[in-house]
Amino acid sequence: MEPESARAGIDQLMVIRLRDTRLKAAPVLVLGAQCDGMRTMAEVSATAQAYQTAAEFFPNMGHNMMLEPGWQAVAERINGWLTGRRL
């Protein structure tokens, strides 16, 4: 934790609504964790919908998916998406 961590935490509490008209048609991968204590599945799904894609959720994972057991599945999904491989 650094001094700016408190500010970052406060900033994350604010809900920001995306305006569909301001979004560009760029591919976006939206991932979520089913046991996330900071973001609800509805919030993650709404973000995906705003970008006209579907959210993908990883079971039995919390907010810090890359620090959770099974993080390799998340990393593989991101890598597959970036390289164009279908997993």
N, C-alpha and C. Protein backbone atom coordinates (compact mmCIF):
# COMPACT_ATOMS: atom_id res chain seq x y z
N MET A 1 0.84 -1.17 0.00
CA MET A 1 0.00 0.00 0.00
C MET A 1 0.89 1.24 0.00
N GLU A 2 0.53 2.14 -0.85
CA GLU A 2 1.24 3.40 -0.99
C GLU A 2 0.29 4.54 -0.62
N PRO A 3 0.80 5.77 -0.43
CA PRO A 3 -0.06 6.89 -0.05
C PRO A 3 -1.23 7.10 -1.02
N GLU A 4 -1.02 6.86 -2.32
CA GLU A 4 -2.11 7.09 -3.27
C GLU A 4 -3.15 5.97 -3.24
N SER A 5 -2.89 4.89 -2.53
CA SER A 5 -3.84 3.78 -2.48
C SER A 5 -5.19 4.19 -1.91
N ALA A 6 -5.19 5.05 -0.90
CA ALA A 6 -6.45 5.51 -0.31
C ALA A 6 -7.27 6.26 -1.34
N ARG A 7 -6.63 7.13 -2.13
CA ARG A 7 -7.33 7.89 -3.16
C ARG A 7 -7.89 6.94 -4.23
N ALA A 8 -7.09 5.95 -4.63
CA ALA A 8 -7.55 4.98 -5.64
C ALA A 8 -8.76 4.21 -5.12
N GLY A 9 -8.75 3.85 -3.85
CA GLY A 9 -9.88 3.15 -3.27
C GLY A 9 -11.14 3.98 -3.27
N ILE A 10 -11.02 5.25 -2.94
CA ILE A 10 -12.17 6.16 -2.94
C ILE A 10 -12.69 6.33 -4.37
N ASP A 11 -11.79 6.49 -5.33
CA ASP A 11 -12.20 6.65 -6.72
C ASP A 11 -12.98 5.44 -7.21
N GLN A 12 -12.64 4.25 -6.75
CA GLN A 12 -13.32 3.04 -7.19
C GLN A 12 -14.72 2.92 -6.62
N LEU A 13 -15.02 3.65 -5.58
CA LEU A 13 -16.36 3.60 -5.00
C LEU A 13 -17.37 4.37 -5.85
N MET A 14 -16.88 5.24 -6.71
CA MET A 14 -17.77 6.03 -7.54
C MET A 14 -18.28 5.18 -8.70
N VAL A 15 -19.55 5.27 -8.97
CA VAL A 15 -20.15 4.56 -10.10
C VAL A 15 -20.15 5.49 -11.29
N ILE A 16 -19.54 5.03 -12.36
CA ILE A 16 -19.47 5.83 -13.57
C ILE A 16 -20.28 5.12 -14.64
N ARG A 17 -21.27 5.80 -15.16
CA ARG A 17 -22.10 5.24 -16.22
C ARG A 17 -21.46 5.54 -17.57
N LEU A 18 -21.33 4.51 -18.37
CA LEU A 18 -20.78 4.68 -19.71
C LEU A 18 -21.89 5.10 -20.66
N ARG A 19 -21.59 6.00 -21.53
CA ARG A 19 -22.54 6.42 -22.55
C ARG A 19 -22.21 5.66 -23.83
N ASP A 20 -23.17 4.89 -24.31
CA ASP A 20 -22.95 4.08 -25.51
C ASP A 20 -22.46 4.90 -26.68
N THR A 21 -22.92 6.13 -26.80
CA THR A 21 -22.57 6.96 -27.94
C THR A 21 -21.10 7.36 -27.92
N ARG A 22 -20.46 7.29 -26.78
CA ARG A 22 -19.06 7.69 -26.66
C ARG A 22 -18.10 6.53 -26.86
N LEU A 23 -18.62 5.30 -26.92
CA LEU A 23 -17.77 4.13 -27.05
C LEU A 23 -17.47 3.85 -28.52
N LYS A 24 -16.25 3.49 -28.78
CA LYS A 24 -15.85 3.14 -30.14
C LYS A 24 -15.98 1.64 -30.31
N ALA A 25 -16.12 1.22 -31.53
CA ALA A 25 -16.25 -0.21 -31.84
C ALA A 25 -14.87 -0.85 -31.84
N ALA A 26 -14.37 -1.14 -30.67
CA ALA A 26 -13.08 -1.83 -30.53
C ALA A 26 -13.34 -3.12 -29.76
N PRO A 27 -12.63 -4.18 -30.10
CA PRO A 27 -12.84 -5.42 -29.36
C PRO A 27 -12.42 -5.27 -27.90
N VAL A 28 -13.25 -5.77 -27.01
CA VAL A 28 -13.00 -5.68 -25.58
C VAL A 28 -13.29 -7.04 -24.94
N LEU A 29 -12.40 -7.50 -24.11
CA LEU A 29 -12.60 -8.72 -23.34
C LEU A 29 -13.00 -8.31 -21.94
N VAL A 30 -14.17 -8.72 -21.51
CA VAL A 30 -14.67 -8.36 -20.17
C VAL A 30 -14.73 -9.63 -19.33
N LEU A 31 -13.92 -9.68 -18.29
CA LEU A 31 -13.85 -10.83 -17.41
C LEU A 31 -14.30 -10.43 -16.01
N GLY A 32 -14.93 -11.35 -15.32
CA GLY A 32 -15.36 -11.11 -13.95
C GLY A 32 -15.19 -12.36 -13.12
N ALA A 33 -15.31 -12.19 -11.82
CA ALA A 33 -15.19 -13.29 -10.86
C ALA A 33 -16.54 -13.46 -10.17
N GLN A 34 -16.99 -14.69 -10.07
CA GLN A 34 -18.30 -14.95 -9.47
C GLN A 34 -18.36 -14.57 -7.99
N CYS A 35 -17.25 -14.60 -7.30
CA CYS A 35 -17.24 -14.29 -5.86
C CYS A 35 -16.59 -12.93 -5.58
N ASP A 36 -16.67 -12.03 -6.53
CA ASP A 36 -16.07 -10.70 -6.39
C ASP A 36 -16.82 -9.92 -5.32
N GLY A 37 -16.08 -9.41 -4.37
CA GLY A 37 -16.69 -8.62 -3.30
C GLY A 37 -16.71 -7.13 -3.60
N MET A 38 -16.11 -6.71 -4.71
CA MET A 38 -16.05 -5.28 -5.04
C MET A 38 -16.97 -4.92 -6.20
N ARG A 39 -17.15 -5.80 -7.15
CA ARG A 39 -18.00 -5.55 -8.31
C ARG A 39 -19.01 -6.68 -8.44
N THR A 40 -20.25 -6.33 -8.66
CA THR A 40 -21.28 -7.35 -8.82
C THR A 40 -21.24 -7.90 -10.24
N MET A 41 -21.82 -9.07 -10.40
CA MET A 41 -21.90 -9.66 -11.74
C MET A 41 -22.73 -8.77 -12.66
N ALA A 42 -23.73 -8.10 -12.10
CA ALA A 42 -24.56 -7.19 -12.89
C ALA A 42 -23.73 -6.01 -13.39
N GLU A 43 -22.84 -5.48 -12.57
CA GLU A 43 -21.99 -4.37 -13.00
C GLU A 43 -21.05 -4.80 -14.11
N VAL A 44 -20.46 -5.97 -13.96
CA VAL A 44 -19.55 -6.48 -14.99
C VAL A 44 -20.32 -6.73 -16.29
N SER A 45 -21.50 -7.31 -16.17
CA SER A 45 -22.33 -7.58 -17.35
C SER A 45 -22.75 -6.28 -18.03
N ALA A 46 -23.05 -5.25 -17.25
CA ALA A 46 -23.42 -3.95 -17.82
C ALA A 46 -22.25 -3.33 -18.58
N THR A 47 -21.06 -3.49 -18.06
CA THR A 47 -19.87 -3.00 -18.76
C THR A 47 -19.72 -3.72 -20.10
N ALA A 48 -19.87 -5.03 -20.08
CA ALA A 48 -19.78 -5.81 -21.32
C ALA A 48 -20.85 -5.37 -22.31
N GLN A 49 -22.05 -5.19 -21.83
CA GLN A 49 -23.15 -4.78 -22.71
C GLN A 49 -22.86 -3.42 -23.34
N ALA A 50 -22.28 -2.52 -22.58
CA ALA A 50 -21.95 -1.20 -23.12
C ALA A 50 -20.96 -1.30 -24.27
N TYR A 51 -20.10 -2.31 -24.22
CA TYR A 51 -19.13 -2.53 -25.29
C TYR A 51 -19.61 -3.56 -26.31
N GLN A 52 -20.87 -3.93 -26.22
CA GLN A 52 -21.51 -4.86 -27.14
C GLN A 52 -20.78 -6.20 -27.21
N THR A 53 -20.50 -6.73 -26.03
CA THR A 53 -19.89 -8.05 -25.93
C THR A 53 -20.49 -8.76 -24.72
N ALA A 54 -20.07 -9.97 -24.47
CA ALA A 54 -20.58 -10.72 -23.32
C ALA A 54 -19.49 -10.81 -22.26
N ALA A 55 -19.89 -10.73 -21.02
CA ALA A 55 -18.95 -10.91 -19.91
C ALA A 55 -18.71 -12.40 -19.71
N GLU A 56 -17.50 -12.72 -19.31
CA GLU A 56 -17.15 -14.09 -18.96
C GLU A 56 -16.77 -14.10 -17.49
N PHE A 57 -17.33 -15.06 -16.74
CA PHE A 57 -17.10 -15.12 -15.30
C PHE A 57 -16.34 -16.39 -14.93
N PHE A 58 -15.41 -16.23 -14.02
CA PHE A 58 -14.64 -17.35 -13.51
C PHE A 58 -15.21 -17.76 -12.15
N PRO A 59 -15.54 -19.04 -12.00
CA PRO A 59 -16.15 -19.51 -10.75
C PRO A 59 -15.13 -19.58 -9.61
N ASN A 60 -15.63 -19.47 -8.41
CA ASN A 60 -14.82 -19.63 -7.20
C ASN A 60 -13.61 -18.70 -7.14
N MET A 61 -13.76 -17.52 -7.68
CA MET A 61 -12.68 -16.53 -7.63
C MET A 61 -13.22 -15.22 -7.09
N GLY A 62 -12.32 -14.49 -6.41
CA GLY A 62 -12.66 -13.18 -5.88
C GLY A 62 -12.13 -12.09 -6.80
N HIS A 63 -12.14 -10.87 -6.31
CA HIS A 63 -11.81 -9.69 -7.09
C HIS A 63 -10.41 -9.74 -7.70
N ASN A 64 -9.44 -10.21 -6.96
CA ASN A 64 -8.05 -10.26 -7.45
C ASN A 64 -7.80 -11.60 -8.13
N MET A 65 -8.41 -11.78 -9.28
CA MET A 65 -8.37 -13.07 -9.97
C MET A 65 -6.96 -13.56 -10.23
N MET A 66 -6.03 -12.68 -10.50
CA MET A 66 -4.67 -13.11 -10.81
C MET A 66 -3.90 -13.56 -9.56
N LEU A 67 -4.49 -13.40 -8.39
CA LEU A 67 -3.86 -13.86 -7.15
C LEU A 67 -4.60 -15.06 -6.56
N GLU A 68 -5.65 -15.51 -7.22
CA GLU A 68 -6.49 -16.60 -6.73
C GLU A 68 -5.96 -17.95 -7.21
N PRO A 69 -6.27 -19.01 -6.46
CA PRO A 69 -5.98 -20.35 -7.01
C PRO A 69 -6.73 -20.49 -8.34
N GLY A 70 -6.07 -21.05 -9.32
CA GLY A 70 -6.69 -21.18 -10.63
C GLY A 70 -6.45 -19.99 -11.54
N TRP A 71 -5.58 -19.08 -11.12
CA TRP A 71 -5.29 -17.88 -11.90
C TRP A 71 -4.81 -18.21 -13.31
N GLN A 72 -4.24 -19.40 -13.47
CA GLN A 72 -3.72 -19.79 -14.78
C GLN A 72 -4.83 -19.79 -15.84
N ALA A 73 -6.04 -20.19 -15.45
CA ALA A 73 -7.16 -20.20 -16.40
C ALA A 73 -7.48 -18.79 -16.88
N VAL A 74 -7.39 -17.83 -16.00
CA VAL A 74 -7.63 -16.43 -16.38
C VAL A 74 -6.52 -15.96 -17.33
N ALA A 75 -5.28 -16.25 -16.97
CA ALA A 75 -4.15 -15.85 -17.81
C ALA A 75 -4.25 -16.50 -19.19
N GLU A 76 -4.63 -17.77 -19.24
CA GLU A 76 -4.77 -18.46 -20.52
C GLU A 76 -5.88 -17.85 -21.36
N ARG A 77 -6.98 -17.45 -20.71
CA ARG A 77 -8.08 -16.83 -21.46
C ARG A 77 -7.64 -15.50 -22.05
N ILE A 78 -6.94 -14.69 -21.27
CA ILE A 78 -6.45 -13.40 -21.76
C ILE A 78 -5.47 -13.62 -22.90
N ASN A 79 -4.53 -14.53 -22.72
CA ASN A 79 -3.55 -14.81 -23.76
C ASN A 79 -4.23 -15.31 -25.04
N GLY A 80 -5.19 -16.20 -24.89
CA GLY A 80 -5.92 -16.71 -26.04
C GLY A 80 -6.66 -15.61 -26.78
N TRP A 81 -7.26 -14.71 -26.03
CA TRP A 81 -7.99 -13.60 -26.64
C TRP A 81 -7.04 -12.67 -27.38
N LEU A 82 -5.90 -12.37 -26.77
CA LEU A 82 -4.93 -11.48 -27.38
C LEU A 82 -4.29 -12.06 -28.63
N THR A 83 -4.10 -13.37 -28.65
CA THR A 83 -3.46 -14.01 -29.78
C THR A 83 -4.46 -14.54 -30.81
N GLY A 84 -5.75 -14.40 -30.51
CA GLY A 84 -6.78 -14.82 -31.45
C GLY A 84 -7.10 -16.30 -31.41
N ARG A 85 -6.59 -17.01 -30.41
CA ARG A 85 -6.89 -18.44 -30.28
C ARG A 85 -8.23 -18.61 -29.59
N ARG A 86 -9.01 -19.54 -30.04
CA ARG A 86 -10.28 -19.87 -29.40
C ARG A 86 -10.03 -20.95 -28.38
N LEU A 87 -10.40 -20.69 -27.12
CA LEU A 87 -10.22 -21.70 -26.06
C LEU A 87 -11.55 -22.18 -25.57
